[in-house]
Amino acid sequence: MPKIFCIDPGHGGADPGAVNGSRHEADDNVRLSLAVSDLLTGQGHKVVLTHKGDIPSSTKLALEARSKIAVDCKADFFSSLHRNSWITPDANGVEIWTRYSASISAASTVYEAVSTSCGMRGRGMQVGNYLVLYNLPMPGMLLELGFISNAGDNTLFDQRLSQNAEAIAKGMLAALGEPWNNTPVNPYWRVQVGAFGVQGNAEAFLKQVKADGFPAFLVYYEEKKLWRVQVGAFSVVANAENYLKQVKAANYEAFLVAPDTGVC
């Protein structure tokens, strides 16, 4: 039976989260959350995102509002995805936090999958009074995937984004006793505005697109070693086509990427 997953990209809007130069935690959180969402949807499950990087820059999404979304959609699993940070650049590694003992077993399953995949130092499971996890009736966790203040963790985060997203998705499914299908179908039509072989160039272009008001995000494709800048994901092709027109009207050379990454 399909499960419902609520994924919360930490921070966003007026709250960038931890910052390292031009790198904002909130952007990394959205990239990771969208990748996990796509994988879970491709496995036939429903995903509810608390946001898609589209929180107005002058506002914040309250922690209580994020957990309420999970409760209202009757989610089977809640995950708040983050990066960590410290005052010195030597701190590194991945860890998962829970608030209640009832969530430890499920979160531990995810931790084992992610700590094996990410290449980062395992910092273990932690229990803390995170407000975003308060009073959840389903298993809930807060994942810190490496330190944004550590160059090595940032490199691993970027290089292994796809693998880490898959590990998170597999871990959450395993925690609920759900199988993993090795031949999933990506149901989304995407609007793409650029592709770059150099990550820094992609990030610079991403900022430009965001400044023009589009909720852009990066997707890394291992096969062609390209960073792709995309601004929308739609299950209905007509909606994707309408959005494509808006993007082109803003003078971007945009096109649609079909489900399963075929190009239209």
Protein backbone atom coordinates (compact mmCIF):
# COMPACT_ATOMS: atom_id res chain seq x y z
CA MET A 1 0.00 0.00 0.00
CA PRO A 2 1.44 3.43 -0.93
CA LYS A 3 2.78 5.45 1.99
CA ILE A 4 2.71 9.19 2.59
CA PHE A 5 6.03 10.92 3.28
CA CYS A 6 6.28 14.51 4.48
CA ILE A 7 9.67 16.04 3.67
CA ASP A 8 10.72 19.35 5.15
CA PRO A 9 13.62 21.23 3.51
CA GLY A 10 15.04 23.01 6.55
CA HIS A 11 15.00 26.82 6.70
CA GLY A 12 14.13 28.83 3.56
CA GLY A 13 12.75 32.26 2.73
CA ALA A 14 14.16 34.89 5.07
CA ASP A 15 16.04 32.15 6.93
CA PRO A 16 19.04 30.90 4.90
CA GLY A 17 20.14 28.53 7.63
CA ALA A 18 23.89 28.10 8.03
CA VAL A 19 26.00 30.08 5.55
CA ASN A 20 29.47 29.44 4.16
CA GLY A 21 30.40 32.23 1.76
CA SER A 22 27.89 32.17 -1.07
CA ARG A 23 26.61 28.76 -0.04
CA HIS A 24 23.34 28.71 1.91
CA GLU A 25 22.12 25.69 3.81
CA ALA A 26 18.52 26.32 2.73
CA ASP A 27 19.49 25.83 -0.93
CA ASP A 28 21.25 22.54 -0.20
CA ASN A 29 18.25 21.37 1.80
CA VAL A 30 15.90 22.01 -1.11
CA ARG A 31 18.18 20.22 -3.58
CA LEU A 32 18.34 17.15 -1.35
CA SER A 33 14.64 17.19 -0.50
CA LEU A 34 13.55 17.41 -4.14
CA ALA A 35 15.85 14.53 -5.07
CA VAL A 36 14.45 12.35 -2.27
CA SER A 37 10.90 13.36 -3.21
CA ASP A 38 11.39 12.33 -6.83
CA LEU A 39 12.71 8.93 -5.81
CA LEU A 40 9.87 8.20 -3.39
CA THR A 41 7.29 9.34 -5.93
CA GLY A 42 8.93 7.13 -8.53
CA GLN A 43 8.47 4.23 -6.13
CA GLY A 44 4.73 4.84 -6.19
CA HIS A 45 4.39 6.71 -2.90
CA LYS A 46 2.97 10.14 -2.10
CA VAL A 47 5.28 12.95 -1.01
CA VAL A 48 4.17 16.19 0.61
CA LEU A 49 6.87 18.88 0.75
CA THR A 50 6.52 21.64 3.34
CA HIS A 51 7.91 23.95 0.64
CA LYS A 52 9.90 23.77 -2.61
CA GLY A 53 12.26 26.67 -2.08
CA ASP A 54 9.40 29.04 -2.82
CA ILE A 55 8.98 30.73 0.57
CA PRO A 56 8.95 34.52 -0.01
CA SER A 57 12.33 36.03 0.84
CA SER A 58 10.75 38.32 3.43
CA THR A 59 9.05 35.56 5.45
CA LYS A 60 9.79 32.35 7.31
CA LEU A 61 7.87 29.09 7.60
CA ALA A 62 7.33 28.42 11.31
CA LEU A 63 8.53 25.11 12.71
CA GLU A 64 5.06 24.37 14.08
CA ALA A 65 3.60 24.95 10.62
CA ARG A 66 5.97 22.39 9.12
CA SER A 67 5.02 19.63 11.52
CA LYS A 68 1.34 20.55 11.15
CA ILE A 69 1.62 19.87 7.42
CA ALA A 70 2.78 16.35 8.26
CA VAL A 71 -0.11 15.84 10.66
CA ASP A 72 -2.71 17.28 8.28
CA CYS A 73 -1.64 15.06 5.38
CA LYS A 74 -1.60 12.02 7.67
CA ALA A 75 2.01 11.26 6.80
CA ASP A 76 3.51 7.89 7.65
CA PHE A 77 6.99 9.40 8.03
CA PHE A 78 8.27 12.96 8.61
CA SER A 79 11.81 13.99 7.65
CA SER A 80 13.36 17.43 8.12
CA LEU A 81 16.51 17.60 5.99
CA HIS A 82 19.39 19.89 6.95
CA ARG A 83 23.12 20.60 6.81
CA ASN A 84 25.14 21.13 9.99
CA SER A 85 27.62 23.91 10.82
CA TRP A 86 30.25 24.84 13.40
CA ILE A 87 32.48 27.79 14.25
CA THR A 88 35.61 25.94 13.07
CA PRO A 89 35.96 24.12 9.74
CA ASP A 90 37.19 20.82 11.19
CA ALA A 91 33.81 19.58 12.45
CA ASN A 92 32.34 17.09 10.00
CA GLY A 93 30.00 14.14 9.57
CA VAL A 94 26.40 13.02 9.34
CA GLU A 95 23.93 12.56 12.18
CA ILE A 96 20.21 12.07 12.73
CA TRP A 97 18.14 13.54 15.55
CA THR A 98 14.86 12.28 16.95
CA ARG A 99 12.72 13.62 19.75
CA TYR A 100 10.76 10.58 20.89
CA SER A 101 11.82 7.00 21.57
CA ALA A 102 9.08 5.76 19.23
CA SER A 103 11.02 7.27 16.29
CA ILE A 104 14.43 5.82 17.12
CA SER A 105 14.00 2.50 15.33
CA ALA A 106 12.80 4.06 12.06
CA ALA A 107 15.41 6.85 12.15
CA SER A 108 18.17 4.33 12.90
CA THR A 109 17.28 2.42 9.75
CA VAL A 110 17.71 5.62 7.73
CA TYR A 111 20.94 6.46 9.53
CA GLU A 112 22.47 3.09 8.67
CA ALA A 113 21.61 3.56 5.00
CA VAL A 114 22.88 7.15 4.79
CA SER A 115 26.05 6.74 6.87
CA THR A 116 27.06 3.85 4.60
CA SER A 117 26.44 5.87 1.42
CA CYS A 118 27.57 9.40 2.13
CA GLY A 119 31.31 8.87 2.69
CA MET A 120 31.18 11.24 5.67
CA ARG A 121 32.10 10.45 9.24
CA GLY A 122 29.21 8.91 11.15
CA ARG A 123 28.29 10.97 14.20
CA GLY A 124 25.50 8.61 15.26
CA MET A 125 21.94 8.94 16.44
CA GLN A 126 20.98 11.76 18.78
CA VAL A 127 17.89 12.64 20.83
CA GLY A 128 16.94 16.29 21.31
CA ASN A 129 13.98 18.61 21.83
CA TYR A 130 13.65 19.87 18.28
CA LEU A 131 10.43 21.85 17.95
CA VAL A 132 9.84 20.69 14.38
CA LEU A 133 9.54 17.12 15.72
CA TYR A 134 7.21 18.01 18.59
CA ASN A 135 4.11 15.91 19.14
CA LEU A 136 4.31 14.03 15.84
CA PRO A 137 2.02 10.98 15.67
CA MET A 138 4.29 9.33 13.09
CA PRO A 139 8.04 8.52 13.06
CA GLY A 140 9.98 11.76 12.68
CA MET A 141 13.63 12.65 12.24
CA LEU A 142 15.93 15.58 11.55
CA LEU A 143 18.87 14.65 9.32
CA GLU A 144 22.08 16.72 9.28
CA LEU A 145 23.91 15.65 6.09
CA GLY A 146 27.42 16.93 6.68
CA PHE A 147 28.74 20.32 7.79
CA ILE A 148 28.36 23.23 5.42
CA SER A 149 31.34 24.75 7.27
CA ASN A 150 33.55 21.83 6.16
CA ALA A 151 34.95 21.80 2.61
CA GLY A 152 35.24 18.02 2.50
CA ASP A 153 31.63 17.48 3.53
CA ASN A 154 30.49 20.00 0.93
CA THR A 155 32.37 18.15 -1.80
CA LEU A 156 30.83 14.84 -0.73
CA PHE A 157 27.38 16.41 -0.50
CA ASP A 158 27.65 17.64 -4.10
CA GLN A 159 29.32 14.61 -5.61
CA ARG A 160 27.04 12.09 -3.93
CA LEU A 161 23.75 13.96 -3.97
CA SER A 162 22.01 11.28 -6.03
CA GLN A 163 23.43 8.41 -3.98
CA ASN A 164 22.55 10.10 -0.69
CA ALA A 165 19.02 10.89 -1.81
CA GLU A 166 18.59 7.25 -2.77
CA ALA A 167 19.97 6.10 0.59
CA ILE A 168 17.54 8.35 2.44
CA ALA A 169 14.60 7.17 0.33
CA LYS A 170 15.59 3.51 0.70
CA GLY A 171 16.06 3.94 4.44
CA MET A 172 12.65 5.51 4.93
CA LEU A 173 10.96 2.80 2.89
CA ALA A 174 12.81 0.07 4.77
CA ALA A 175 11.81 1.65 8.08
CA LEU A 176 8.16 1.22 7.07
CA GLY A 177 8.68 -2.26 5.68
CA GLU A 178 8.27 -1.16 2.06
CA PRO A 179 10.29 -2.72 -0.79
CA TRP A 180 12.55 -0.83 -3.21
CA ASN A 181 11.84 -1.16 -6.93
CA ASN A 182 15.05 -0.99 -8.97
CA THR A 183 13.18 0.19 -12.09
CA PRO A 184 11.14 3.17 -10.86
CA VAL A 185 9.38 5.66 -13.10
CA ASN A 186 9.95 9.37 -12.64
CA PRO A 187 6.52 10.89 -13.28
CA TYR A 188 7.60 14.53 -13.49
CA TRP A 189 7.95 16.87 -16.43
CA ARG A 190 10.65 19.42 -15.64
CA VAL A 191 11.42 22.86 -17.04
CA GLN A 192 15.14 23.28 -17.60
CA VAL A 193 16.95 26.56 -18.22
CA GLY A 194 20.62 25.56 -18.24
CA ALA A 195 23.23 22.82 -17.91
CA PHE A 196 26.84 23.25 -16.77
CA GLY A 197 29.88 21.06 -16.38
CA VAL A 198 31.24 23.33 -13.65
CA GLN A 199 29.29 23.48 -10.42
CA GLY A 200 30.26 27.07 -9.66
CA ASN A 201 28.87 28.26 -12.99
CA ALA A 202 25.64 26.39 -12.32
CA GLU A 203 25.32 27.97 -8.86
CA ALA A 204 25.91 31.46 -10.27
CA PHE A 205 23.22 30.92 -12.89
CA LEU A 206 20.91 29.48 -10.24
CA LYS A 207 21.13 32.73 -8.28
CA GLN A 208 20.28 34.72 -11.39
CA VAL A 209 17.21 32.60 -12.10
CA LYS A 210 16.07 32.88 -8.47
CA ALA A 211 16.55 36.64 -8.60
CA ASP A 212 14.08 36.67 -11.49
CA GLY A 213 11.49 35.09 -9.24
CA PHE A 214 11.66 31.44 -10.31
CA PRO A 215 11.98 28.67 -7.66
CA ALA A 216 15.08 27.19 -9.26
CA PHE A 217 17.08 24.22 -8.07
CA LEU A 218 20.07 22.14 -9.17
CA VAL A 219 19.97 18.53 -10.32
CA TYR A 220 23.25 16.68 -10.85
CA TYR A 221 23.31 13.93 -13.49
CA GLU A 222 26.16 11.49 -12.91
CA GLU A 223 26.06 9.95 -16.39
CA LYS A 224 26.90 13.18 -18.22
CA LYS A 225 28.59 14.96 -15.29
CA LEU A 226 26.30 17.96 -15.69
CA TRP A 227 24.71 20.34 -13.23
CA ARG A 228 21.25 21.17 -14.59
CA VAL A 229 19.30 24.23 -13.51
CA GLN A 230 15.58 23.51 -13.42
CA VAL A 231 12.65 25.64 -12.33
CA GLY A 232 9.63 23.37 -12.15
CA ALA A 233 8.40 19.81 -11.83
CA PHE A 234 4.92 18.84 -12.97
CA SER A 235 2.97 15.59 -13.14
CA VAL A 236 0.67 17.06 -15.83
CA VAL A 237 2.41 17.95 -19.11
CA ALA A 238 -0.06 20.76 -19.88
CA ASN A 239 0.93 22.52 -16.66
CA ALA A 240 4.59 22.10 -17.54
CA GLU A 241 3.99 23.57 -21.00
CA ASN A 242 2.19 26.60 -19.53
CA TYR A 243 5.02 27.20 -17.10
CA LEU A 244 7.55 26.80 -19.90
CA LYS A 245 5.88 29.71 -21.70
CA GLN A 246 6.29 31.90 -18.59
CA VAL A 247 9.96 31.03 -18.33
CA LYS A 248 10.58 31.71 -22.01
CA ALA A 249 8.77 35.03 -21.67
CA ALA A 250 11.49 35.97 -19.18
CA ASN A 251 14.06 35.44 -21.97
CA TYR A 252 15.36 32.06 -20.84
CA GLU A 253 16.16 29.38 -23.42
CA ALA A 254 14.08 26.81 -21.60
CA PHE A 255 12.79 23.40 -22.63
CA LEU A 256 10.96 20.45 -21.11
CA VAL A 257 12.65 17.40 -19.69
CA ALA A 258 10.31 14.42 -19.95
CA PRO A 259 9.78 11.80 -17.25
CA ASP A 260 12.72 9.41 -16.83
CA THR A 261 15.01 12.29 -18.00
CA GLY A 262 14.06 12.00 -21.67
CA VAL A 263 14.19 15.35 -23.44
CA CYS A 264 11.18 16.78 -25.24
